[in-house]
Amino acid sequence: MPKSLSRLTASSETRELTSEDAILLKPAEAASFLLTSVGTLAQWRYLRRGPAYIKVGRSVAYRLGDLLAYVERTRISHDGMAA
């Protein structure tokens, strides 16, 4: 990987790019992964909720890493507290 792409910097946070960052899913694939519908994902985008997404022109895609992070953020532990 070229040195310029080996790190991602956003708001003073630096992290290594992973293979999960390179995998893009279409909305139908992301909806299936999250056990929801494409319409729900569209509504979440409109309401600025849900997982982060990428938009180029009219095309929408979701990085696998963002979906995994979203699932982890919404996980509930057995004692009823957010994990």
PDB file of N, CA and C in Angstrom:
ATOM      1  N   MET A   1       0.848  -1.175   0.000  1.00  0.00           N
ATOM      2  CA  MET A   1       0.000   0.000   0.000  1.00  0.00           C
ATOM      3  C   MET A   1       0.892   1.237   0.000  1.00  0.00           C
ATOM      4  N   PRO A   2       0.582   2.246  -0.829  1.00  0.00           N
ATOM      5  CA  PRO A   2       1.400   3.454  -0.846  1.00  0.00           C
ATOM      6  C   PRO A   2       1.408   4.128   0.518  1.00  0.00           C
ATOM      7  N   LYS A   3       2.541   4.738   0.830  1.00  0.00           N
ATOM      8  CA  LYS A   3       2.698   5.354   2.140  1.00  0.00           C
ATOM      9  C   LYS A   3       1.610   6.387   2.412  1.00  0.00           C
ATOM     10  N   SER A   4       1.167   7.143   1.403  1.00  0.00           N
ATOM     11  CA  SER A   4       0.168   8.184   1.598  1.00  0.00           C
ATOM     12  C   SER A   4      -1.189   7.606   1.996  1.00  0.00           C
ATOM     13  N   LEU A   5      -1.443   6.340   1.702  1.00  0.00           N
ATOM     14  CA  LEU A   5      -2.709   5.716   2.049  1.00  0.00           C
ATOM     15  C   LEU A   5      -2.627   4.841   3.289  1.00  0.00           C
ATOM     16  N   SER A   6      -1.456   4.757   3.895  1.00  0.00           N
ATOM     17  CA  SER A   6      -1.306   3.851   5.022  1.00  0.00           C
ATOM     18  C   SER A   6      -1.935   4.379   6.304  1.00  0.00           C
ATOM     19  N   ARG A   7      -2.207   5.670   6.371  1.00  0.00           N
ATOM     20  CA  ARG A   7      -2.841   6.255   7.557  1.00  0.00           C
ATOM     21  C   ARG A   7      -3.985   7.154   7.135  1.00  0.00           C
ATOM     22  N   LEU A   8      -5.001   7.185   7.963  1.00  0.00           N
ATOM     23  CA  LEU A   8      -6.155   8.041   7.727  1.00  0.00           C
ATOM     24  C   LEU A   8      -6.231   9.024   8.865  1.00  0.00           C
ATOM     25  N   THR A   9      -6.282  10.308   8.558  1.00  0.00           N
ATOM     26  CA  THR A   9      -6.347  11.324   9.598  1.00  0.00           C
ATOM     27  C   THR A   9      -7.662  12.064   9.490  1.00  0.00           C
ATOM     28  N   ALA A  10      -8.399  12.101  10.594  1.00  0.00           N
ATOM     29  CA  ALA A  10      -9.666  12.829  10.649  1.00  0.00           C
ATOM     30  C   ALA A  10      -9.819  13.380  12.057  1.00  0.00           C
ATOM     31  N   SER A  11     -10.000  14.677  12.155  1.00  0.00           N
ATOM     32  CA  SER A  11     -10.182  15.364  13.439  1.00  0.00           C
ATOM     33  C   SER A  11      -9.131  14.942  14.466  1.00  0.00           C
ATOM     34  N   SER A  12      -7.889  15.051  14.084  1.00  0.00           N
ATOM     35  CA  SER A  12      -6.723  14.757  14.923  1.00  0.00           C
ATOM     36  C   SER A  12      -6.654  13.309  15.399  1.00  0.00           C
ATOM     37  N   GLU A  13      -7.403  12.424  14.785  1.00  0.00           N
ATOM     38  CA  GLU A  13      -7.335  11.003  15.121  1.00  0.00           C
ATOM     39  C   GLU A  13      -6.680  10.276  13.960  1.00  0.00           C
ATOM     40  N   THR A  14      -5.638   9.515  14.239  1.00  0.00           N
ATOM     41  CA  THR A  14      -4.940   8.771  13.203  1.00  0.00           C
ATOM     42  C   THR A  14      -5.130   7.296  13.474  1.00  0.00           C
ATOM     43  N   ARG A  15      -5.473   6.557  12.427  1.00  0.00           N
ATOM     44  CA  ARG A  15      -5.617   5.120  12.574  1.00  0.00           C
ATOM     45  C   ARG A  15      -5.145   4.442  11.300  1.00  0.00           C
ATOM     46  N   GLU A  16      -4.773   3.190  11.435  1.00  0.00           N
ATOM     47  CA  GLU A  16      -4.327   2.419  10.287  1.00  0.00           C
ATOM     48  C   GLU A  16      -5.524   2.010   9.437  1.00  0.00           C
ATOM     49  N   LEU A  17      -5.353   2.058   8.124  1.00  0.00           N
ATOM     50  CA  LEU A  17      -6.381   1.539   7.238  1.00  0.00           C
ATOM     51  C   LEU A  17      -6.341   0.021   7.293  1.00  0.00           C
ATOM     52  N   THR A  18      -7.503  -0.598   7.298  1.00  0.00           N
ATOM     53  CA  THR A  18      -7.576  -2.056   7.336  1.00  0.00           C
ATOM     54  C   THR A  18      -8.264  -2.557   6.077  1.00  0.00           C
ATOM     55  N   SER A  19      -8.275  -3.858   5.912  1.00  0.00           N
ATOM     56  CA  SER A  19      -8.969  -4.433   4.763  1.00  0.00           C
ATOM     57  C   SER A  19     -10.463  -4.166   4.846  1.00  0.00           C
ATOM     58  N   GLU A  20     -10.996  -3.978   6.070  1.00  0.00           N
ATOM     59  CA  GLU A  20     -12.415  -3.664   6.227  1.00  0.00           C
ATOM     60  C   GLU A  20     -12.746  -2.292   5.650  1.00  0.00           C
ATOM     61  N   ASP A  21     -11.763  -1.393   5.610  1.00  0.00           N
ATOM     62  CA  ASP A  21     -11.980  -0.070   5.031  1.00  0.00           C
ATOM     63  C   ASP A  21     -12.103  -0.141   3.514  1.00  0.00           C
ATOM     64  N   ALA A  22     -11.545  -1.177   2.910  1.00  0.00           N
ATOM     65  CA  ALA A  22     -11.541  -1.285   1.458  1.00  0.00           C
ATOM     66  C   ALA A  22     -12.782  -1.986   0.922  1.00  0.00           C
ATOM     67  N   ILE A  23     -13.510  -2.690   1.776  1.00  0.00           N
ATOM     68  CA  ILE A  23     -14.686  -3.434   1.330  1.00  0.00           C
ATOM     69  C   ILE A  23     -15.901  -2.528   1.369  1.00  0.00           C
ATOM     70  N   LEU A  24     -16.492  -2.289   0.207  1.00  0.00           N
ATOM     71  CA  LEU A  24     -17.689  -1.457   0.107  1.00  0.00           C
ATOM     72  C   LEU A  24     -18.897  -2.336  -0.180  1.00  0.00           C
ATOM     73  N   LEU A  25     -19.999  -2.052   0.519  1.00  0.00           N
ATOM     74  CA  LEU A  25     -21.238  -2.793   0.321  1.00  0.00           C
ATOM     75  C   LEU A  25     -22.305  -1.868  -0.236  1.00  0.00           C
ATOM     76  N   LYS A  26     -23.103  -2.381  -1.151  1.00  0.00           N
ATOM     77  CA  LYS A  26     -24.256  -1.653  -1.662  1.00  0.00           C
ATOM     78  C   LYS A  26     -25.316  -1.591  -0.558  1.00  0.00           C
ATOM     79  N   PRO A  27     -26.254  -0.646  -0.643  1.00  0.00           N
ATOM     80  CA  PRO A  27     -27.292  -0.553   0.389  1.00  0.00           C
ATOM     81  C   PRO A  27     -28.042  -1.863   0.636  1.00  0.00           C
ATOM     82  N   ALA A  28     -28.345  -2.624  -0.392  1.00  0.00           N
ATOM     83  CA  ALA A  28     -29.045  -3.900  -0.203  1.00  0.00           C
ATOM     84  C   ALA A  28     -28.188  -4.877   0.599  1.00  0.00           C
ATOM     85  N   GLU A  29     -26.881  -4.890   0.328  1.00  0.00           N
ATOM     86  CA  GLU A  29     -25.973  -5.777   1.059  1.00  0.00           C
ATOM     87  C   GLU A  29     -25.837  -5.317   2.510  1.00  0.00           C
ATOM     88  N   ALA A  30     -25.734  -4.000   2.710  1.00  0.00           N
ATOM     89  CA  ALA A  30     -25.614  -3.455   4.065  1.00  0.00           C
ATOM     90  C   ALA A  30     -26.883  -3.724   4.858  1.00  0.00           C
ATOM     91  N   ALA A  31     -28.038  -3.567   4.228  1.00  0.00           N
ATOM     92  CA  ALA A  31     -29.309  -3.828   4.904  1.00  0.00           C
ATOM     93  C   ALA A  31     -29.392  -5.286   5.333  1.00  0.00           C
ATOM     94  N   SER A  32     -28.982  -6.176   4.481  1.00  0.00           N
ATOM     95  CA  SER A  32     -28.977  -7.598   4.815  1.00  0.00           C
ATOM     96  C   SER A  32     -28.035  -7.871   5.986  1.00  0.00           C
ATOM     97  N   PHE A  33     -26.866  -7.269   5.956  1.00  0.00           N
ATOM     98  CA  PHE A  33     -25.885  -7.429   7.032  1.00  0.00           C
ATOM     99  C   PHE A  33     -26.447  -6.947   8.367  1.00  0.00           C
ATOM    100  N   LEU A  34     -27.190  -5.831   8.343  1.00  0.00           N
ATOM    101  CA  LEU A  34     -27.742  -5.241   9.572  1.00  0.00           C
ATOM    102  C   LEU A  34     -29.129  -5.777   9.920  1.00  0.00           C
ATOM    103  N   LEU A  35     -29.620  -6.731   9.144  1.00  0.00           N
ATOM    104  CA  LEU A  35     -30.940  -7.332   9.375  1.00  0.00           C
ATOM    105  C   LEU A  35     -32.048  -6.284   9.352  1.00  0.00           C
ATOM    106  N   THR A  36     -31.975  -5.390   8.402  1.00  0.00           N
ATOM    107  CA  THR A  36     -32.972  -4.342   8.241  1.00  0.00           C
ATOM    108  C   THR A  36     -33.286  -4.194   6.754  1.00  0.00           C
ATOM    109  N   SER A  37     -34.063  -3.201   6.398  1.00  0.00           N
ATOM    110  CA  SER A  37     -34.430  -3.022   4.991  1.00  0.00           C
ATOM    111  C   SER A  37     -33.655  -1.867   4.362  1.00  0.00           C
ATOM    112  N   VAL A  38     -33.657  -1.848   3.047  1.00  0.00           N
ATOM    113  CA  VAL A  38     -33.022  -0.757   2.303  1.00  0.00           C
ATOM    114  C   VAL A  38     -33.737   0.554   2.634  1.00  0.00           C
ATOM    115  N   GLY A  39     -35.055   0.490   2.776  1.00  0.00           N
ATOM    116  CA  GLY A  39     -35.835   1.678   3.133  1.00  0.00           C
ATOM    117  C   GLY A  39     -35.456   2.240   4.486  1.00  0.00           C
ATOM    118  N   THR A  40     -35.187   1.356   5.444  1.00  0.00           N
ATOM    119  CA  THR A  40     -34.757   1.814   6.765  1.00  0.00           C
ATOM    120  C   THR A  40     -33.410   2.516   6.668  1.00  0.00           C
ATOM    121  N   LEU A  41     -32.487   1.960   5.893  1.00  0.00           N
ATOM    122  CA  LEU A  41     -31.184   2.617   5.714  1.00  0.00           C
ATOM    123  C   LEU A  41     -31.361   3.994   5.078  1.00  0.00           C
ATOM    124  N   ALA A  42     -32.250   4.098   4.092  1.00  0.00           N
ATOM    125  CA  ALA A  42     -32.498   5.392   3.444  1.00  0.00           C
ATOM    126  C   ALA A  42     -33.071   6.386   4.454  1.00  0.00           C
ATOM    127  N   GLN A  43     -33.972   5.925   5.303  1.00  0.00           N
ATOM    128  CA  GLN A  43     -34.555   6.796   6.328  1.00  0.00           C
ATOM    129  C   GLN A  43     -33.483   7.239   7.328  1.00  0.00           C
ATOM    130  N   TRP A  44     -32.616   6.316   7.728  1.00  0.00           N
ATOM    131  CA  TRP A  44     -31.533   6.671   8.648  1.00  0.00           C
ATOM    132  C   TRP A  44     -30.619   7.714   8.016  1.00  0.00           C
ATOM    133  N   ARG A  45     -30.315   7.578   6.730  1.00  0.00           N
ATOM    134  CA  ARG A  45     -29.475   8.578   6.075  1.00  0.00           C
ATOM    135  C   ARG A  45     -30.164   9.937   6.090  1.00  0.00           C
ATOM    136  N   TYR A  46     -31.451   9.962   5.811  1.00  0.00           N
ATOM    137  CA  TYR A  46     -32.225  11.203   5.811  1.00  0.00           C
ATOM    138  C   TYR A  46     -32.233  11.850   7.201  1.00  0.00           C
ATOM    139  N   LEU A  47     -32.366  11.028   8.231  1.00  0.00           N
ATOM    140  CA  LEU A  47     -32.403  11.516   9.615  1.00  0.00           C
ATOM    141  C   LEU A  47     -31.013  11.696  10.223  1.00  0.00           C
ATOM    142  N   ARG A  48     -29.973  11.367   9.433  1.00  0.00           N
ATOM    143  CA  ARG A  48     -28.576  11.424   9.905  1.00  0.00           C
ATOM    144  C   ARG A  48     -28.358  10.522  11.124  1.00  0.00           C
ATOM    145  N   ARG A  49     -28.887   9.319  11.019  1.00  0.00           N
ATOM    146  CA  ARG A  49     -28.722   8.288  12.041  1.00  0.00           C
ATOM    147  C   ARG A  49     -28.081   7.076  11.385  1.00  0.00           C
ATOM    148  N   GLY A  50     -27.860   6.050  12.152  1.00  0.00           N
ATOM    149  CA  GLY A  50     -27.346   4.807  11.591  1.00  0.00           C
ATOM    150  C   GLY A  50     -25.863   4.868  11.283  1.00  0.00           C
ATOM    151  N   PRO A  51     -25.388   3.885  10.519  1.00  0.00           N
ATOM    152  CA  PRO A  51     -23.954   3.801  10.225  1.00  0.00           C
ATOM    153  C   PRO A  51     -23.511   4.872   9.236  1.00  0.00           C
ATOM    154  N   ALA A  52     -22.232   5.198   9.293  1.00  0.00           N
ATOM    155  CA  ALA A  52     -21.637   6.129   8.332  1.00  0.00           C
ATOM    156  C   ALA A  52     -21.728   5.513   6.937  1.00  0.00           C
ATOM    157  N   TYR A  53     -21.784   6.369   5.935  1.00  0.00           N
ATOM    158  CA  TYR A  53     -21.860   5.897   4.559  1.00  0.00           C
ATOM    159  C   TYR A  53     -21.049   6.812   3.659  1.00  0.00           C
ATOM    160  N   ILE A  54     -20.848   6.350   2.447  1.00  0.00           N
ATOM    161  CA  ILE A  54     -20.099   7.093   1.440  1.00  0.00           C
ATOM    162  C   ILE A  54     -21.068   7.415   0.316  1.00  0.00           C
ATOM    163  N   LYS A  55     -21.011   8.625  -0.183  1.00  0.00           N
ATOM    164  CA  LYS A  55     -21.876   8.999  -1.301  1.00  0.00           C
ATOM    165  C   LYS A  55     -21.033   9.681  -2.365  1.00  0.00           C
ATOM    166  N   VAL A  56     -21.097   9.138  -3.557  1.00  0.00           N
ATOM    167  CA  VAL A  56     -20.425   9.715  -4.718  1.00  0.00           C
ATOM    168  C   VAL A  56     -21.504   9.904  -5.775  1.00  0.00           C
ATOM    169  N   GLY A  57     -21.818  11.161  -6.057  1.00  0.00           N
ATOM    170  CA  GLY A  57     -22.933  11.429  -6.954  1.00  0.00           C
ATOM    171  C   GLY A  57     -24.215  10.921  -6.314  1.00  0.00           C
ATOM    172  N   ARG A  58     -24.902  10.041  -7.006  1.00  0.00           N
ATOM    173  CA  ARG A  58     -26.128   9.450  -6.473  1.00  0.00           C
ATOM    174  C   ARG A  58     -25.882   8.091  -5.837  1.00  0.00           C
ATOM    175  N   SER A  59     -24.694   7.564  -5.988  1.00  0.00           N
ATOM    176  CA  SER A  59     -24.381   6.238  -5.472  1.00  0.00           C
ATOM    177  C   SER A  59     -24.066   6.285  -3.982  1.00  0.00           C
ATOM    178  N   VAL A  60     -24.596   5.317  -3.251  1.00  0.00           N
ATOM    179  CA  VAL A  60     -24.363   5.194  -1.814  1.00  0.00           C
ATOM    180  C   VAL A  60     -23.689   3.858  -1.568  1.00  0.00           C
ATOM    181  N   ALA A  61     -22.701   3.855  -0.685  1.00  0.00           N
ATOM    182  CA  ALA A  61     -22.017   2.624  -0.305  1.00  0.00           C
ATOM    183  C   ALA A  61     -21.685   2.692   1.181  1.00  0.00           C
ATOM    184  N   TYR A  62     -21.503   1.535   1.767  1.00  0.00           N
ATOM    185  CA  TYR A  62     -21.149   1.421   3.179  1.00  0.00           C
ATOM    186  C   TYR A  62     -19.850   0.643   3.293  1.00  0.00           C
ATOM    187  N   ARG A  63     -18.902   1.164   4.079  1.00  0.00           N
ATOM    188  CA  ARG A  63     -17.674   0.416   4.343  1.00  0.00           C
ATOM    189  C   ARG A  63     -17.983  -0.651   5.379  1.00  0.00           C
ATOM    190  N   LEU A  64     -17.447  -1.835   5.186  1.00  0.00           N
ATOM    191  CA  LEU A  64     -17.664  -2.921   6.125  1.00  0.00           C
ATOM    192  C   LEU A  64     -17.203  -2.529   7.524  1.00  0.00           C
ATOM    193  N   GLY A  65     -16.081  -1.838   7.620  1.00  0.00           N
ATOM    194  CA  GLY A  65     -15.573  -1.400   8.921  1.00  0.00           C
ATOM    195  C   GLY A  65     -16.546  -0.484   9.645  1.00  0.00           C
ATOM    196  N   ASP A  66     -17.221   0.407   8.901  1.00  0.00           N
ATOM    197  CA  ASP A  66     -18.215   1.297   9.510  1.00  0.00           C
ATOM    198  C   ASP A  66     -19.424   0.521  10.000  1.00  0.00           C
ATOM    199  N   LEU A  67     -19.835  -0.504   9.242  1.00  0.00           N
ATOM    200  CA  LEU A  67     -20.968  -1.325   9.678  1.00  0.00           C
ATOM    201  C   LEU A  67     -20.627  -2.101  10.937  1.00  0.00           C
ATOM    202  N   LEU A  68     -19.425  -2.655  10.980  1.00  0.00           N
ATOM    203  CA  LEU A  68     -18.996  -3.392  12.176  1.00  0.00           C
ATOM    204  C   LEU A  68     -18.917  -2.474  13.391  1.00  0.00           C
ATOM    205  N   ALA A  69     -18.416  -1.259  13.199  1.00  0.00           N
ATOM    206  CA  ALA A  69     -18.338  -0.288  14.296  1.00  0.00           C
ATOM    207  C   ALA A  69     -19.737   0.103  14.769  1.00  0.00           C
ATOM    208  N   TYR A  70     -20.662   0.274  13.835  1.00  0.00           N
ATOM    209  CA  TYR A  70     -22.043   0.615  14.188  1.00  0.00           C
ATOM    210  C   TYR A  70     -22.686  -0.501  15.011  1.00  0.00           C
ATOM    211  N   VAL A  71     -22.493  -1.735  14.588  1.00  0.00           N
ATOM    212  CA  VAL A  71     -23.040  -2.874  15.326  1.00  0.00           C
ATOM    213  C   VAL A  71     -22.469  -2.898  16.738  1.00  0.00           C
ATOM    214  N   GLU A  72     -21.183  -2.662  16.864  1.00  0.00           N
ATOM    215  CA  GLU A  72     -20.555  -2.671  18.196  1.00  0.00           C
ATOM    216  C   GLU A  72     -21.098  -1.541  19.074  1.00  0.00           C
ATOM    217  N   ARG A  73     -21.314  -0.357  18.495  1.00  0.00           N
ATOM    218  CA  ARG A  73     -21.848   0.776  19.272  1.00  0.00           C
ATOM    219  C   ARG A  73     -23.272   0.529  19.750  1.00  0.00           C
ATOM    220  N   THR A  74     -24.033  -0.253  19.013  1.00  0.00           N
ATOM    221  CA  THR A  74     -25.431  -0.473  19.370  1.00  0.00           C
ATOM    222  C   THR A  74     -25.638  -1.762  20.167  1.00  0.00           C
ATOM    223  N   ARG A  75     -24.556  -2.450  20.499  1.00  0.00           N
ATOM    224  CA  ARG A  75     -24.639  -3.706  21.242  1.00  0.00           C
ATOM    225  C   ARG A  75     -25.104  -3.443  22.664  1.00  0.00           C
ATOM    226  N   ILE A  76     -25.983  -4.283  23.165  1.00  0.00           N
ATOM    227  CA  ILE A  76     -26.478  -4.213  24.536  1.00  0.00           C
ATOM    228  C   ILE A  76     -25.932  -5.419  25.286  1.00  0.00           C
ATOM    229  N   SER A  77     -25.391  -5.168  26.465  1.00  0.00           N
ATOM    230  CA  SER A  77     -24.838  -6.275  27.260  1.00  0.00           C
ATOM    231  C   SER A  77     -25.968  -6.994  28.003  1.00  0.00           C
ATOM    232  N   HIS A  78     -25.659  -8.120  28.618  1.00  0.00           N
ATOM    233  CA  HIS A  78     -26.654  -8.945  29.316  1.00  0.00           C
ATOM    234  C   HIS A  78     -27.261  -8.240  30.532  1.00  0.00           C
ATOM    235  N   ASP A  79     -26.545  -7.303  31.113  1.00  0.00           N
ATOM    236  CA  ASP A  79     -27.093  -6.616  32.284  1.00  0.00           C
ATOM    237  C   ASP A  79     -27.950  -5.412  31.893  1.00  0.00           C
ATOM    238  N   GLY A  80     -28.223  -5.251  30.588  1.00  0.00           N
ATOM    239  CA  GLY A  80     -29.084  -4.189  30.126  1.00  0.00           C
ATOM    240  C   GLY A  80     -28.396  -2.865  29.873  1.00  0.00           C
ATOM    241  N   MET A  81     -27.130  -2.789  30.154  1.00  0.00           N
ATOM    242  CA  MET A  81     -26.354  -1.572  29.945  1.00  0.00           C
ATOM    243  C   MET A  81     -25.723  -1.624  28.559  1.00  0.00           C
ATOM    244  N   ALA A  82     -25.610  -0.458  27.938  1.00  0.00           N
ATOM    245  CA  ALA A  82     -24.916  -0.404  26.659  1.00  0.00           C
ATOM    246  C   ALA A  82     -23.463  -0.815  26.876  1.00  0.00           C
ATOM    247  N   ALA A  83     -22.949  -1.604  25.957  1.00  0.00           N
ATOM    248  CA  ALA A  83     -21.570  -2.094  26.125  1.00  0.00           C
ATOM    249  C   ALA A  83     -20.552  -1.105  25.714  1.00  0.00           C
TER     250      ALA A  83
END
